[in-house]
Amino acid sequence: VRLDFPFFEAMMQSLLYAGFSGFVFVTSFVAREQSLAQEEQRRLNAELRATRALLAESARVNERTRISRELHDLLGHHLTALSLNLEVAGHLSQGRARDHVQQAHTLARLLLTDVREAVSQLRDTGSIDLAAALRP
């Protein structure tokens, strides 16, 4: 069927429809790409937060480990030496002085036990919960 459109008008109208279709296609393509990029950005942001939390937890564990080592190295060795010296002093002393030395020796052993417990608690509670850090 032949319509009474001039060739030029038909061509212009066809180009106009093709232009609108192309514009819709490009716009939807850009919107889809932007949506995918936003989703990727959300995923990377969640990974970054999880990594930051893991790093903070690791720093906390490292600090606890350092403190426990210092406590053990400084106090533990000195308290052991003090306890040994008090034990020797207890064998060498007599009378009331011996009682005081024995009491000091008991306190030194008690303090050494407390330091050992504190150090082991610092070391035991210093583990990283990897599953909780990676869950987000």
N, C-alpha and C. Protein backbone atom coordinates (compact mmCIF):
# COMPACT_ATOMS: atom_id res chain seq x y z
N VAL A 1 0.86 -1.17 0.00
CA VAL A 1 0.00 0.00 0.00
C VAL A 1 0.90 1.22 0.00
N ARG A 2 0.56 2.10 -0.87
CA ARG A 2 1.37 3.30 -0.98
C ARG A 2 0.67 4.42 -0.24
N LEU A 3 1.38 5.03 0.71
CA LEU A 3 0.83 6.17 1.43
C LEU A 3 1.25 7.44 0.74
N ASP A 4 0.53 8.47 1.00
CA ASP A 4 0.86 9.72 0.33
C ASP A 4 1.82 10.56 1.15
N PHE A 5 2.93 9.95 1.58
CA PHE A 5 3.97 10.69 2.29
C PHE A 5 5.07 11.02 1.31
N PRO A 6 5.55 12.21 1.38
CA PRO A 6 6.72 12.48 0.57
C PRO A 6 7.91 11.71 1.13
N PHE A 7 8.80 11.35 0.27
CA PHE A 7 9.96 10.54 0.66
C PHE A 7 10.78 11.23 1.75
N PHE A 8 10.98 12.51 1.65
CA PHE A 8 11.78 13.25 2.62
C PHE A 8 11.14 13.21 4.01
N GLU A 9 9.81 13.40 4.10
CA GLU A 9 9.12 13.36 5.39
C GLU A 9 9.18 11.96 6.00
N ALA A 10 8.98 10.97 5.19
CA ALA A 10 9.04 9.59 5.68
C ALA A 10 10.43 9.27 6.22
N MET A 11 11.46 9.71 5.49
CA MET A 11 12.83 9.47 5.93
C MET A 11 13.11 10.21 7.25
N MET A 12 12.67 11.45 7.37
CA MET A 12 12.90 12.23 8.59
C MET A 12 12.16 11.61 9.78
N GLN A 13 10.93 11.17 9.55
CA GLN A 13 10.17 10.55 10.63
C GLN A 13 10.82 9.24 11.06
N SER A 14 11.30 8.47 10.12
CA SER A 14 12.00 7.22 10.45
C SER A 14 13.26 7.50 11.24
N LEU A 15 14.02 8.50 10.81
CA LEU A 15 15.23 8.87 11.55
C LEU A 15 14.90 9.37 12.95
N LEU A 16 13.80 10.10 13.09
CA LEU A 16 13.38 10.59 14.41
C LEU A 16 13.03 9.42 15.32
N TYR A 17 12.27 8.46 14.84
CA TYR A 17 11.94 7.28 15.65
C TYR A 17 13.19 6.47 15.98
N ALA A 18 14.07 6.32 15.03
CA ALA A 18 15.32 5.59 15.28
C ALA A 18 16.17 6.34 16.31
N GLY A 19 16.16 7.66 16.24
CA GLY A 19 16.91 8.45 17.22
C GLY A 19 16.35 8.29 18.62
N PHE A 20 15.01 8.34 18.75
CA PHE A 20 14.39 8.13 20.06
C PHE A 20 14.68 6.73 20.59
N SER A 21 14.60 5.74 19.73
CA SER A 21 14.89 4.36 20.14
C SER A 21 16.35 4.22 20.58
N GLY A 22 17.24 4.82 19.84
CA GLY A 22 18.66 4.79 20.21
C GLY A 22 18.90 5.50 21.53
N PHE A 23 18.22 6.63 21.73
CA PHE A 23 18.35 7.37 22.98
C PHE A 23 17.87 6.54 24.16
N VAL A 24 16.73 5.86 24.01
CA VAL A 24 16.20 4.99 25.07
C VAL A 24 17.16 3.85 25.33
N PHE A 25 17.69 3.25 24.28
CA PHE A 25 18.64 2.15 24.45
C PHE A 25 19.89 2.61 25.21
N VAL A 26 20.47 3.72 24.80
CA VAL A 26 21.69 4.23 25.45
C VAL A 26 21.40 4.60 26.90
N THR A 27 20.26 5.25 27.15
CA THR A 27 19.90 5.65 28.51
C THR A 27 19.72 4.43 29.41
N SER A 28 19.04 3.40 28.92
CA SER A 28 18.85 2.20 29.74
C SER A 28 20.18 1.47 29.95
N PHE A 29 21.04 1.47 28.95
CA PHE A 29 22.35 0.85 29.09
C PHE A 29 23.19 1.57 30.15
N VAL A 30 23.19 2.89 30.12
CA VAL A 30 23.95 3.68 31.10
C VAL A 30 23.38 3.47 32.50
N ALA A 31 22.05 3.43 32.63
CA ALA A 31 21.42 3.22 33.93
C ALA A 31 21.78 1.84 34.49
N ARG A 32 21.78 0.83 33.62
CA ARG A 32 22.17 -0.52 34.06
C ARG A 32 23.62 -0.57 34.51
N GLU A 33 24.50 0.02 33.75
CA GLU A 33 25.92 0.06 34.11
C GLU A 33 26.13 0.80 35.42
N GLN A 34 25.40 1.89 35.61
CA GLN A 34 25.52 2.66 36.84
C GLN A 34 25.02 1.84 38.04
N SER A 35 23.95 1.10 37.85
CA SER A 35 23.43 0.25 38.91
C SER A 35 24.44 -0.83 39.29
N LEU A 36 25.06 -1.45 38.30
CA LEU A 36 26.09 -2.46 38.56
C LEU A 36 27.30 -1.85 39.27
N ALA A 37 27.68 -0.65 38.87
CA ALA A 37 28.82 0.02 39.50
C ALA A 37 28.51 0.36 40.96
N GLN A 38 27.28 0.77 41.24
CA GLN A 38 26.90 1.07 42.62
C GLN A 38 26.90 -0.19 43.47
N GLU A 39 26.45 -1.29 42.92
CA GLU A 39 26.45 -2.55 43.65
C GLU A 39 27.89 -3.00 43.94
N GLU A 40 28.75 -2.85 42.96
CA GLU A 40 30.17 -3.18 43.16
C GLU A 40 30.79 -2.28 44.22
N GLN A 41 30.42 -1.01 44.20
CA GLN A 41 30.94 -0.07 45.20
C GLN A 41 30.45 -0.45 46.60
N ARG A 42 29.20 -0.86 46.73
CA ARG A 42 28.68 -1.32 48.03
C ARG A 42 29.44 -2.54 48.53
N ARG A 43 29.71 -3.48 47.62
CA ARG A 43 30.44 -4.69 48.00
C ARG A 43 31.85 -4.36 48.45
N LEU A 44 32.53 -3.50 47.71
CA LEU A 44 33.89 -3.12 48.08
C LEU A 44 33.91 -2.33 49.39
N ASN A 45 32.90 -1.52 49.61
CA ASN A 45 32.81 -0.76 50.85
C ASN A 45 32.62 -1.70 52.04
N ALA A 46 31.80 -2.74 51.88
CA ALA A 46 31.60 -3.72 52.95
C ALA A 46 32.89 -4.47 53.22
N GLU A 47 33.62 -4.83 52.17
CA GLU A 47 34.91 -5.50 52.36
C GLU A 47 35.91 -4.59 53.08
N LEU A 48 35.89 -3.32 52.73
CA LEU A 48 36.78 -2.36 53.38
C LEU A 48 36.45 -2.24 54.86
N ARG A 49 35.16 -2.17 55.19
CA ARG A 49 34.76 -2.10 56.61
C ARG A 49 35.19 -3.35 57.35
N ALA A 50 35.01 -4.51 56.74
CA ALA A 50 35.42 -5.76 57.39
C ALA A 50 36.93 -5.80 57.58
N THR A 51 37.67 -5.35 56.58
CA THR A 51 39.13 -5.33 56.70
C THR A 51 39.57 -4.36 57.78
N ARG A 52 38.90 -3.22 57.85
CA ARG A 52 39.25 -2.23 58.88
C ARG A 52 38.96 -2.79 60.28
N ALA A 53 37.83 -3.50 60.44
CA ALA A 53 37.51 -4.11 61.73
C ALA A 53 38.52 -5.19 62.09
N LEU A 54 38.92 -5.97 61.10
CA LEU A 54 39.91 -7.02 61.32
C LEU A 54 41.26 -6.42 61.70
N LEU A 55 41.63 -5.33 61.06
CA LEU A 55 42.89 -4.65 61.38
C LEU A 55 42.86 -4.08 62.79
N ALA A 56 41.74 -3.48 63.17
CA ALA A 56 41.61 -2.94 64.53
C ALA A 56 41.69 -4.06 65.57
N GLU A 57 41.04 -5.18 65.28
CA GLU A 57 41.08 -6.32 66.19
C GLU A 57 42.50 -6.88 66.27
N SER A 58 43.17 -6.94 65.15
CA SER A 58 44.55 -7.43 65.13
C SER A 58 45.47 -6.51 65.94
N ALA A 59 45.27 -5.22 65.82
CA ALA A 59 46.08 -4.27 66.59
C ALA A 59 45.82 -4.44 68.08
N ARG A 60 44.56 -4.67 68.44
CA ARG A 60 44.21 -4.89 69.85
C ARG A 60 44.86 -6.16 70.39
N VAL A 61 44.82 -7.22 69.58
CA VAL A 61 45.44 -8.49 69.99
C VAL A 61 46.95 -8.33 70.12
N ASN A 62 47.56 -7.64 69.18
CA ASN A 62 49.01 -7.43 69.24
C ASN A 62 49.40 -6.63 70.48
N GLU A 63 48.60 -5.63 70.83
CA GLU A 63 48.89 -4.83 72.02
C GLU A 63 48.73 -5.67 73.29
N ARG A 64 47.69 -6.50 73.34
CA ARG A 64 47.52 -7.39 74.50
C ARG A 64 48.69 -8.36 74.62
N THR A 65 49.12 -8.90 73.49
CA THR A 65 50.25 -9.83 73.51
C THR A 65 51.51 -9.13 73.97
N ARG A 66 51.74 -7.91 73.51
CA ARG A 66 52.92 -7.16 73.93
C ARG A 66 52.88 -6.88 75.43
N ILE A 67 51.72 -6.49 75.93
CA ILE A 67 51.60 -6.21 77.36
C ILE A 67 51.82 -7.47 78.18
N SER A 68 51.25 -8.59 77.72
CA SER A 68 51.44 -9.84 78.47
C SER A 68 52.89 -10.28 78.46
N ARG A 69 53.59 -10.08 77.34
CA ARG A 69 55.02 -10.42 77.31
C ARG A 69 55.82 -9.55 78.26
N GLU A 70 55.51 -8.25 78.27
CA GLU A 70 56.24 -7.35 79.17
C GLU A 70 55.96 -7.71 80.62
N LEU A 71 54.70 -7.99 80.93
CA LEU A 71 54.38 -8.40 82.31
C LEU A 71 55.14 -9.66 82.68
N HIS A 72 55.12 -10.62 81.78
CA HIS A 72 55.80 -11.88 82.06
C HIS A 72 57.30 -11.67 82.19
N ASP A 73 57.88 -10.94 81.25
CA ASP A 73 59.33 -10.77 81.26
C ASP A 73 59.81 -9.93 82.44
N LEU A 74 59.14 -8.83 82.70
CA LEU A 74 59.59 -7.94 83.76
C LEU A 74 59.20 -8.44 85.15
N LEU A 75 57.93 -8.59 85.36
CA LEU A 75 57.47 -8.96 86.70
C LEU A 75 57.73 -10.42 87.03
N GLY A 76 57.50 -11.29 86.09
CA GLY A 76 57.65 -12.71 86.35
C GLY A 76 59.06 -13.08 86.79
N HIS A 77 60.04 -12.62 86.07
CA HIS A 77 61.43 -12.96 86.41
C HIS A 77 61.85 -12.34 87.73
N HIS A 78 61.47 -11.09 87.95
CA HIS A 78 61.85 -10.43 89.20
C HIS A 78 61.13 -11.05 90.39
N LEU A 79 59.88 -11.42 90.23
CA LEU A 79 59.16 -12.06 91.33
C LEU A 79 59.71 -13.46 91.63
N THR A 80 60.12 -14.17 90.61
CA THR A 80 60.75 -15.48 90.83
C THR A 80 62.06 -15.31 91.59
N ALA A 81 62.87 -14.34 91.20
CA ALA A 81 64.13 -14.08 91.90
C ALA A 81 63.86 -13.65 93.33
N LEU A 82 62.88 -12.80 93.55
CA LEU A 82 62.53 -12.36 94.90
C LEU A 82 62.08 -13.55 95.75
N SER A 83 61.26 -14.41 95.18
CA SER A 83 60.78 -15.58 95.90
C SER A 83 61.92 -16.50 96.31
N LEU A 84 62.86 -16.71 95.39
CA LEU A 84 64.03 -17.54 95.72
C LEU A 84 64.88 -16.91 96.81
N ASN A 85 65.09 -15.60 96.71
CA ASN A 85 65.87 -14.91 97.74
C ASN A 85 65.17 -14.95 99.10
N LEU A 86 63.87 -14.81 99.11
CA LEU A 86 63.13 -14.90 100.37
C LEU A 86 63.16 -16.30 100.95
N GLU A 87 63.16 -17.30 100.07
CA GLU A 87 63.26 -18.68 100.56
C GLU A 87 64.62 -18.92 101.22
N VAL A 88 65.68 -18.41 100.59
CA VAL A 88 67.02 -18.53 101.18
C VAL A 88 67.07 -17.75 102.50
N ALA A 89 66.50 -16.55 102.51
CA ALA A 89 66.50 -15.74 103.73
C ALA A 89 65.71 -16.43 104.83
N GLY A 90 64.64 -17.15 104.47
CA GLY A 90 63.86 -17.89 105.46
C GLY A 90 64.66 -19.00 106.10
N HIS A 91 65.54 -19.63 105.33
CA HIS A 91 66.38 -20.70 105.89
C HIS A 91 67.50 -20.13 106.75
N LEU A 92 67.94 -18.93 106.46
CA LEU A 92 69.05 -18.34 107.20
C LEU A 92 68.61 -17.56 108.44
N SER A 93 67.36 -17.14 108.50
CA SER A 93 66.91 -16.32 109.63
C SER A 93 66.25 -17.18 110.70
N GLN A 94 66.07 -16.56 111.90
CA GLN A 94 65.45 -17.27 113.03
C GLN A 94 64.54 -16.32 113.78
N GLY A 95 63.63 -16.87 114.54
CA GLY A 95 62.76 -16.08 115.39
C GLY A 95 61.68 -15.34 114.61
N ARG A 96 61.43 -14.09 115.11
CA ARG A 96 60.38 -13.26 114.48
C ARG A 96 60.76 -12.86 113.06
N ALA A 97 62.04 -12.68 112.82
CA ALA A 97 62.47 -12.30 111.47
C ALA A 97 62.11 -13.40 110.47
N ARG A 98 62.23 -14.64 110.91
CA ARG A 98 61.91 -15.76 110.02
C ARG A 98 60.41 -15.75 109.66
N ASP A 99 59.58 -15.43 110.64
CA ASP A 99 58.14 -15.35 110.39
C ASP A 99 57.83 -14.28 109.35
N HIS A 100 58.47 -13.13 109.48
CA HIS A 100 58.25 -12.04 108.52
C HIS A 100 58.76 -12.41 107.12
N VAL A 101 59.88 -13.09 107.08
CA VAL A 101 60.43 -13.52 105.79
C VAL A 101 59.50 -14.55 105.16
N GLN A 102 58.96 -15.48 105.95
CA GLN A 102 58.03 -16.48 105.43
C GLN A 102 56.76 -15.81 104.90
N GLN A 103 56.29 -14.80 105.64
CA GLN A 103 55.10 -14.07 105.20
C GLN A 103 55.39 -13.34 103.88
N ALA A 104 56.56 -12.71 103.77
CA ALA A 104 56.94 -12.02 102.52
C ALA A 104 57.08 -13.03 101.38
N HIS A 105 57.62 -14.21 101.68
CA HIS A 105 57.76 -15.25 100.66
C HIS A 105 56.39 -15.72 100.18
N THR A 106 55.45 -15.88 101.08
CA THR A 106 54.09 -16.27 100.71
C THR A 106 53.45 -15.20 99.83
N LEU A 107 53.62 -13.94 100.19
CA LEU A 107 53.06 -12.85 99.38
C LEU A 107 53.71 -12.79 98.00
N ALA A 108 55.02 -13.03 97.92
CA ALA A 108 55.71 -13.02 96.63
C ALA A 108 55.19 -14.15 95.74
N ARG A 109 54.97 -15.35 96.33
CA ARG A 109 54.43 -16.46 95.53
C ARG A 109 53.01 -16.16 95.07
N LEU A 110 52.21 -15.55 95.95
CA LEU A 110 50.84 -15.19 95.59
C LEU A 110 50.84 -14.15 94.47
N LEU A 111 51.71 -13.17 94.57
CA LEU A 111 51.81 -12.16 93.53
C LEU A 111 52.28 -12.77 92.21
N LEU A 112 53.23 -13.69 92.26
CA LEU A 112 53.69 -14.37 91.05
C LEU A 112 52.55 -15.17 90.42
N THR A 113 51.74 -15.82 91.22
CA THR A 113 50.58 -16.57 90.70
C THR A 113 49.58 -15.62 90.04
N ASP A 114 49.35 -14.46 90.69
CA ASP A 114 48.43 -13.48 90.11
C ASP A 114 48.94 -12.95 88.78
N VAL A 115 50.23 -12.70 88.68
CA VAL A 115 50.81 -12.21 87.42
C VAL A 115 50.67 -13.28 86.34
N ARG A 116 50.92 -14.53 86.69
CA ARG A 116 50.78 -15.61 85.70
C ARG A 116 49.34 -15.73 85.21
N GLU A 117 48.37 -15.60 86.12
CA GLU A 117 46.96 -15.66 85.72
C GLU A 117 46.59 -14.49 84.82
N ALA A 118 47.07 -13.29 85.18
CA ALA A 118 46.77 -12.11 84.36
C ALA A 118 47.36 -12.25 82.97
N VAL A 119 48.59 -12.75 82.89
CA VAL A 119 49.24 -12.93 81.59
C VAL A 119 48.50 -13.98 80.76
N SER A 120 48.11 -15.08 81.38
CA SER A 120 47.41 -16.11 80.60
C SER A 120 46.01 -15.63 80.19
N GLN A 121 45.35 -14.82 81.01
CA GLN A 121 44.06 -14.27 80.59
C GLN A 121 44.23 -13.31 79.42
N LEU A 122 45.28 -12.49 79.46
CA LEU A 122 45.54 -11.59 78.34
C LEU A 122 45.80 -12.37 77.06
N ARG A 123 46.52 -13.45 77.17
CA ARG A 123 46.84 -14.25 75.98
C ARG A 123 45.62 -15.03 75.49
N ASP A 124 44.81 -15.54 76.44
CA ASP A 124 43.65 -16.34 76.05
C ASP A 124 42.57 -15.50 75.39
N THR A 125 42.35 -14.29 75.88
CA THR A 125 41.29 -13.45 75.31
C THR A 125 41.78 -12.67 74.11
N GLY A 126 42.98 -12.90 73.67
CA GLY A 126 43.55 -12.12 72.59
C GLY A 126 43.40 -12.73 71.21
N SER A 127 42.48 -13.67 71.03
CA SER A 127 42.34 -14.27 69.70
C SER A 127 41.37 -13.46 68.85
N ILE A 128 41.61 -13.50 67.56
CA ILE A 128 40.77 -12.76 66.62
C ILE A 128 39.61 -13.65 66.18
N ASP A 129 38.40 -13.11 66.23
CA ASP A 129 37.22 -13.82 65.75
C ASP A 129 37.10 -13.55 64.25
N LEU A 130 37.73 -14.40 63.45
CA LEU A 130 37.80 -14.19 62.02
C LEU A 130 36.42 -14.28 61.35
N ALA A 131 35.60 -15.20 61.82
CA ALA A 131 34.26 -15.36 61.22
C ALA A 131 33.42 -14.11 61.42
N ALA A 132 33.48 -13.54 62.63
CA ALA A 132 32.69 -12.32 62.90
C ALA A 132 33.22 -11.14 62.08
N ALA A 133 34.51 -11.09 61.88
CA ALA A 133 35.08 -9.98 61.11
C ALA A 133 34.75 -10.09 59.62
N LEU A 134 34.67 -11.32 59.11
CA LEU A 134 34.40 -11.51 57.68
C LEU A 134 32.92 -11.58 57.34
N ARG A 135 32.06 -11.76 58.35
CA ARG A 135 30.62 -11.90 58.09
C ARG A 135 30.03 -10.69 57.34
N PRO A 136 30.36 -9.45 57.73
CA PRO A 136 29.78 -8.32 56.97
C PRO A 136 30.23 -8.30 55.53
